[in-house]
């Protein structure tokens, strides 16, 4: 069980690093098509984080929510 939690934590750290990397003006350097799909992936990840958080608050699962979506510039768009 601890091994799964460690793997999940590592994955969350990598995803968080990816968000920071692309939001650190890296998106501006990419082609329009690339930006469109990367932003779609990021929105979907945020949606899943919110859903996980909501389920965990209702006692329906363990939360791995990292809280990043509140500070993300893509939060302006509804997920």
N, C-alpha and C. Protein backbone atom coordinates (compact mmCIF):
# COMPACT_ATOMS: atom_id res chain seq x y z
N UNK A 1 0.82 -1.20 0.00
CA UNK A 1 0.00 0.00 0.00
C UNK A 1 0.86 1.26 0.00
N UNK A 2 1.92 1.24 0.83
CA UNK A 2 2.80 2.40 0.89
C UNK A 2 3.50 2.63 -0.44
N UNK A 3 3.81 1.52 -1.14
CA UNK A 3 4.46 1.64 -2.43
C UNK A 3 3.54 2.33 -3.44
N UNK A 4 2.25 1.97 -3.43
CA UNK A 4 1.29 2.62 -4.33
C UNK A 4 1.17 4.11 -4.02
N UNK A 5 1.15 4.45 -2.73
CA UNK A 5 1.05 5.86 -2.34
C UNK A 5 2.29 6.62 -2.81
N UNK A 6 3.44 5.99 -2.70
CA UNK A 6 4.68 6.62 -3.15
C UNK A 6 4.66 6.84 -4.66
N UNK A 7 4.20 5.83 -5.41
CA UNK A 7 4.12 5.96 -6.86
C UNK A 7 3.13 7.06 -7.24
N UNK A 8 2.00 7.12 -6.52
CA UNK A 8 0.99 8.15 -6.79
C UNK A 8 1.57 9.53 -6.50
N UNK A 9 2.31 9.64 -5.41
CA UNK A 9 2.92 10.91 -5.04
C UNK A 9 3.93 11.36 -6.09
N UNK A 10 4.73 10.41 -6.59
CA UNK A 10 5.71 10.73 -7.63
C UNK A 10 5.00 11.19 -8.89
N UNK A 11 3.91 10.50 -9.27
CA UNK A 11 3.16 10.89 -10.46
C UNK A 11 2.56 12.28 -10.30
N UNK A 12 1.99 12.55 -9.14
CA UNK A 12 1.40 13.87 -8.89
C UNK A 12 2.48 14.95 -8.97
N UNK A 13 3.66 14.66 -8.42
CA UNK A 13 4.76 15.62 -8.50
C UNK A 13 5.16 15.90 -9.94
N UNK A 14 5.21 14.84 -10.76
CA UNK A 14 5.57 15.02 -12.17
C UNK A 14 4.52 15.83 -12.91
N UNK A 15 3.25 15.55 -12.64
CA UNK A 15 2.17 16.31 -13.29
C UNK A 15 2.23 17.77 -12.86
N UNK A 16 2.45 18.00 -11.58
CA UNK A 16 2.55 19.36 -11.07
C UNK A 16 3.74 20.09 -11.71
N UNK A 17 4.86 19.40 -11.84
CA UNK A 17 6.02 20.00 -12.52
C UNK A 17 5.68 20.34 -13.96
N UNK A 18 4.93 19.47 -14.63
CA UNK A 18 4.52 19.73 -16.01
C UNK A 18 3.64 20.97 -16.12
N UNK A 19 2.70 21.11 -15.18
CA UNK A 19 1.85 22.30 -15.18
C UNK A 19 2.72 23.54 -15.02
N UNK A 20 3.63 23.52 -14.07
CA UNK A 20 4.49 24.67 -13.84
C UNK A 20 5.37 24.96 -15.05
N UNK A 21 5.88 23.93 -15.68
CA UNK A 21 6.73 24.09 -16.86
C UNK A 21 5.96 24.77 -17.99
N UNK A 22 4.79 24.27 -18.31
CA UNK A 22 4.04 24.84 -19.42
C UNK A 22 3.45 26.20 -19.08
N UNK A 23 3.04 26.40 -17.85
CA UNK A 23 2.48 27.69 -17.48
C UNK A 23 3.56 28.75 -17.28
N UNK A 24 4.80 28.32 -17.20
CA UNK A 24 5.91 29.27 -17.08
C UNK A 24 6.28 29.86 -18.42
N UNK A 25 5.32 30.20 -19.21
CA UNK A 25 5.46 30.83 -20.53
C UNK A 25 5.95 29.88 -21.61
N UNK A 26 6.07 28.61 -21.32
CA UNK A 26 6.47 27.64 -22.35
C UNK A 26 5.39 27.49 -23.40
N UNK A 27 4.13 27.62 -23.00
CA UNK A 27 3.03 27.50 -23.96
C UNK A 27 3.13 28.53 -25.08
N UNK A 28 3.65 29.69 -24.76
CA UNK A 28 3.75 30.76 -25.75
C UNK A 28 4.74 30.43 -26.86
N UNK A 29 5.64 29.49 -26.61
CA UNK A 29 6.66 29.13 -27.59
C UNK A 29 6.22 28.00 -28.52
N UNK A 30 5.07 27.42 -28.26
CA UNK A 30 4.61 26.27 -29.03
C UNK A 30 3.67 26.68 -30.16
N UNK A 31 3.47 25.76 -31.09
CA UNK A 31 2.51 25.99 -32.17
C UNK A 31 1.10 26.01 -31.60
N UNK A 32 0.22 26.69 -32.28
CA UNK A 32 -1.16 26.84 -31.83
C UNK A 32 -1.84 25.50 -31.58
N UNK A 33 -1.66 24.55 -32.49
CA UNK A 33 -2.27 23.23 -32.31
C UNK A 33 -1.77 22.55 -31.05
N UNK A 34 -0.47 22.64 -30.81
CA UNK A 34 0.11 22.02 -29.61
C UNK A 34 -0.48 22.64 -28.35
N UNK A 35 -0.58 23.95 -28.34
CA UNK A 35 -1.12 24.65 -27.17
C UNK A 35 -2.56 24.23 -26.92
N UNK A 36 -3.34 24.13 -27.98
CA UNK A 36 -4.75 23.73 -27.85
C UNK A 36 -4.87 22.39 -27.14
N UNK A 37 -4.09 21.40 -27.58
CA UNK A 37 -4.21 20.07 -27.00
C UNK A 37 -3.61 20.00 -25.60
N UNK A 38 -2.51 20.68 -25.37
CA UNK A 38 -1.93 20.68 -24.03
C UNK A 38 -2.89 21.34 -23.04
N UNK A 39 -3.50 22.44 -23.44
CA UNK A 39 -4.48 23.09 -22.56
C UNK A 39 -5.69 22.18 -22.31
N UNK A 40 -6.10 21.42 -23.33
CA UNK A 40 -7.21 20.48 -23.14
C UNK A 40 -6.82 19.41 -22.12
N UNK A 41 -5.60 18.87 -22.22
CA UNK A 41 -5.14 17.89 -21.25
C UNK A 41 -5.12 18.48 -19.84
N UNK A 42 -4.64 19.71 -19.74
CA UNK A 42 -4.54 20.36 -18.42
C UNK A 42 -5.93 20.60 -17.82
N UNK A 43 -6.88 21.01 -18.65
CA UNK A 43 -8.25 21.20 -18.16
C UNK A 43 -8.84 19.88 -17.67
N UNK A 44 -8.58 18.82 -18.41
CA UNK A 44 -9.11 17.51 -18.02
C UNK A 44 -8.49 17.04 -16.70
N UNK A 45 -7.20 17.24 -16.54
CA UNK A 45 -6.54 16.89 -15.28
C UNK A 45 -7.15 17.69 -14.14
N UNK A 46 -7.38 18.98 -14.35
CA UNK A 46 -8.00 19.80 -13.32
C UNK A 46 -9.40 19.29 -12.98
N UNK A 47 -10.14 18.91 -14.00
CA UNK A 47 -11.48 18.36 -13.79
C UNK A 47 -11.40 17.10 -12.93
N UNK A 48 -10.47 16.21 -13.25
CA UNK A 48 -10.31 14.98 -12.47
C UNK A 48 -9.88 15.27 -11.04
N UNK A 49 -9.02 16.26 -10.85
CA UNK A 49 -8.61 16.64 -9.50
C UNK A 49 -9.80 17.14 -8.69
N UNK A 50 -10.60 17.98 -9.30
CA UNK A 50 -11.78 18.51 -8.60
C UNK A 50 -12.75 17.38 -8.26
N UNK A 51 -12.95 16.47 -9.19
CA UNK A 51 -13.84 15.35 -8.94
C UNK A 51 -13.30 14.47 -7.82
N UNK A 52 -12.00 14.19 -7.83
CA UNK A 52 -11.37 13.39 -6.78
C UNK A 52 -11.53 14.07 -5.43
N UNK A 53 -11.30 15.37 -5.41
CA UNK A 53 -11.43 16.13 -4.17
C UNK A 53 -12.87 16.08 -3.66
N UNK A 54 -13.82 16.28 -4.57
CA UNK A 54 -15.23 16.25 -4.19
C UNK A 54 -15.62 14.88 -3.64
N UNK A 55 -15.19 13.82 -4.32
CA UNK A 55 -15.50 12.47 -3.85
C UNK A 55 -14.86 12.19 -2.50
N UNK A 56 -13.64 12.64 -2.30
CA UNK A 56 -12.97 12.40 -1.03
C UNK A 56 -13.65 13.16 0.11
N UNK A 57 -14.16 14.34 -0.18
CA UNK A 57 -14.86 15.12 0.86
C UNK A 57 -16.17 14.45 1.24
N UNK A 58 -16.75 13.69 0.31
CA UNK A 58 -17.99 12.98 0.59
C UNK A 58 -17.73 11.57 1.12
N UNK A 59 -16.46 11.28 1.41
CA UNK A 59 -16.11 9.99 1.96
C UNK A 59 -16.14 8.86 0.97
N UNK A 60 -15.99 9.15 -0.32
CA UNK A 60 -16.09 8.12 -1.34
C UNK A 60 -14.74 7.74 -1.94
N UNK A 61 -13.66 8.16 -1.33
CA UNK A 61 -12.34 7.80 -1.85
C UNK A 61 -11.25 8.56 -1.17
N UNK A 62 -10.02 8.18 -1.45
CA UNK A 62 -8.86 8.87 -0.92
C UNK A 62 -8.49 9.99 -1.86
N UNK A 63 -8.19 11.14 -1.32
CA UNK A 63 -7.87 12.28 -2.17
C UNK A 63 -6.37 12.37 -2.43
N UNK A 64 -6.05 12.62 -3.68
CA UNK A 64 -4.68 12.94 -4.04
C UNK A 64 -4.64 14.36 -4.61
N UNK A 65 -5.65 15.12 -4.29
CA UNK A 65 -5.81 16.48 -4.79
C UNK A 65 -4.66 17.34 -4.31
N UNK A 66 -4.02 18.03 -5.22
CA UNK A 66 -2.86 18.82 -4.84
C UNK A 66 -3.18 20.30 -4.68
N UNK A 67 -4.38 20.72 -5.03
CA UNK A 67 -4.78 22.10 -4.81
C UNK A 67 -4.26 23.08 -5.85
N UNK A 68 -3.61 22.60 -6.88
CA UNK A 68 -3.00 23.48 -7.86
C UNK A 68 -4.03 24.28 -8.65
N UNK A 69 -5.22 23.75 -8.87
CA UNK A 69 -6.16 24.39 -9.79
C UNK A 69 -6.57 25.78 -9.35
N UNK A 70 -6.51 26.06 -8.07
CA UNK A 70 -6.89 27.40 -7.62
C UNK A 70 -5.92 28.47 -8.09
N UNK A 71 -4.68 28.08 -8.38
CA UNK A 71 -3.68 29.04 -8.80
C UNK A 71 -3.38 28.98 -10.29
N UNK A 72 -4.08 28.15 -11.01
CA UNK A 72 -3.78 27.95 -12.41
C UNK A 72 -4.48 28.99 -13.26
N UNK A 73 -3.77 29.50 -14.24
CA UNK A 73 -4.37 30.54 -15.09
C UNK A 73 -5.50 29.99 -15.94
N UNK A 74 -5.56 28.67 -16.10
CA UNK A 74 -6.61 28.06 -16.91
C UNK A 74 -7.91 27.92 -16.11
N UNK A 75 -7.88 28.25 -14.86
CA UNK A 75 -9.07 28.16 -14.00
C UNK A 75 -10.16 29.11 -14.50
N UNK A 76 -9.77 30.12 -15.25
CA UNK A 76 -10.76 31.08 -15.76
C UNK A 76 -11.79 30.39 -16.64
N UNK A 77 -11.38 29.33 -17.30
CA UNK A 77 -12.31 28.59 -18.16
C UNK A 77 -13.04 27.57 -17.31
N UNK A 78 -14.31 27.44 -17.53
CA UNK A 78 -15.06 26.43 -16.78
C UNK A 78 -14.70 25.05 -17.28
N UNK A 79 -14.51 24.14 -16.34
CA UNK A 79 -14.14 22.76 -16.68
C UNK A 79 -15.39 21.96 -16.83
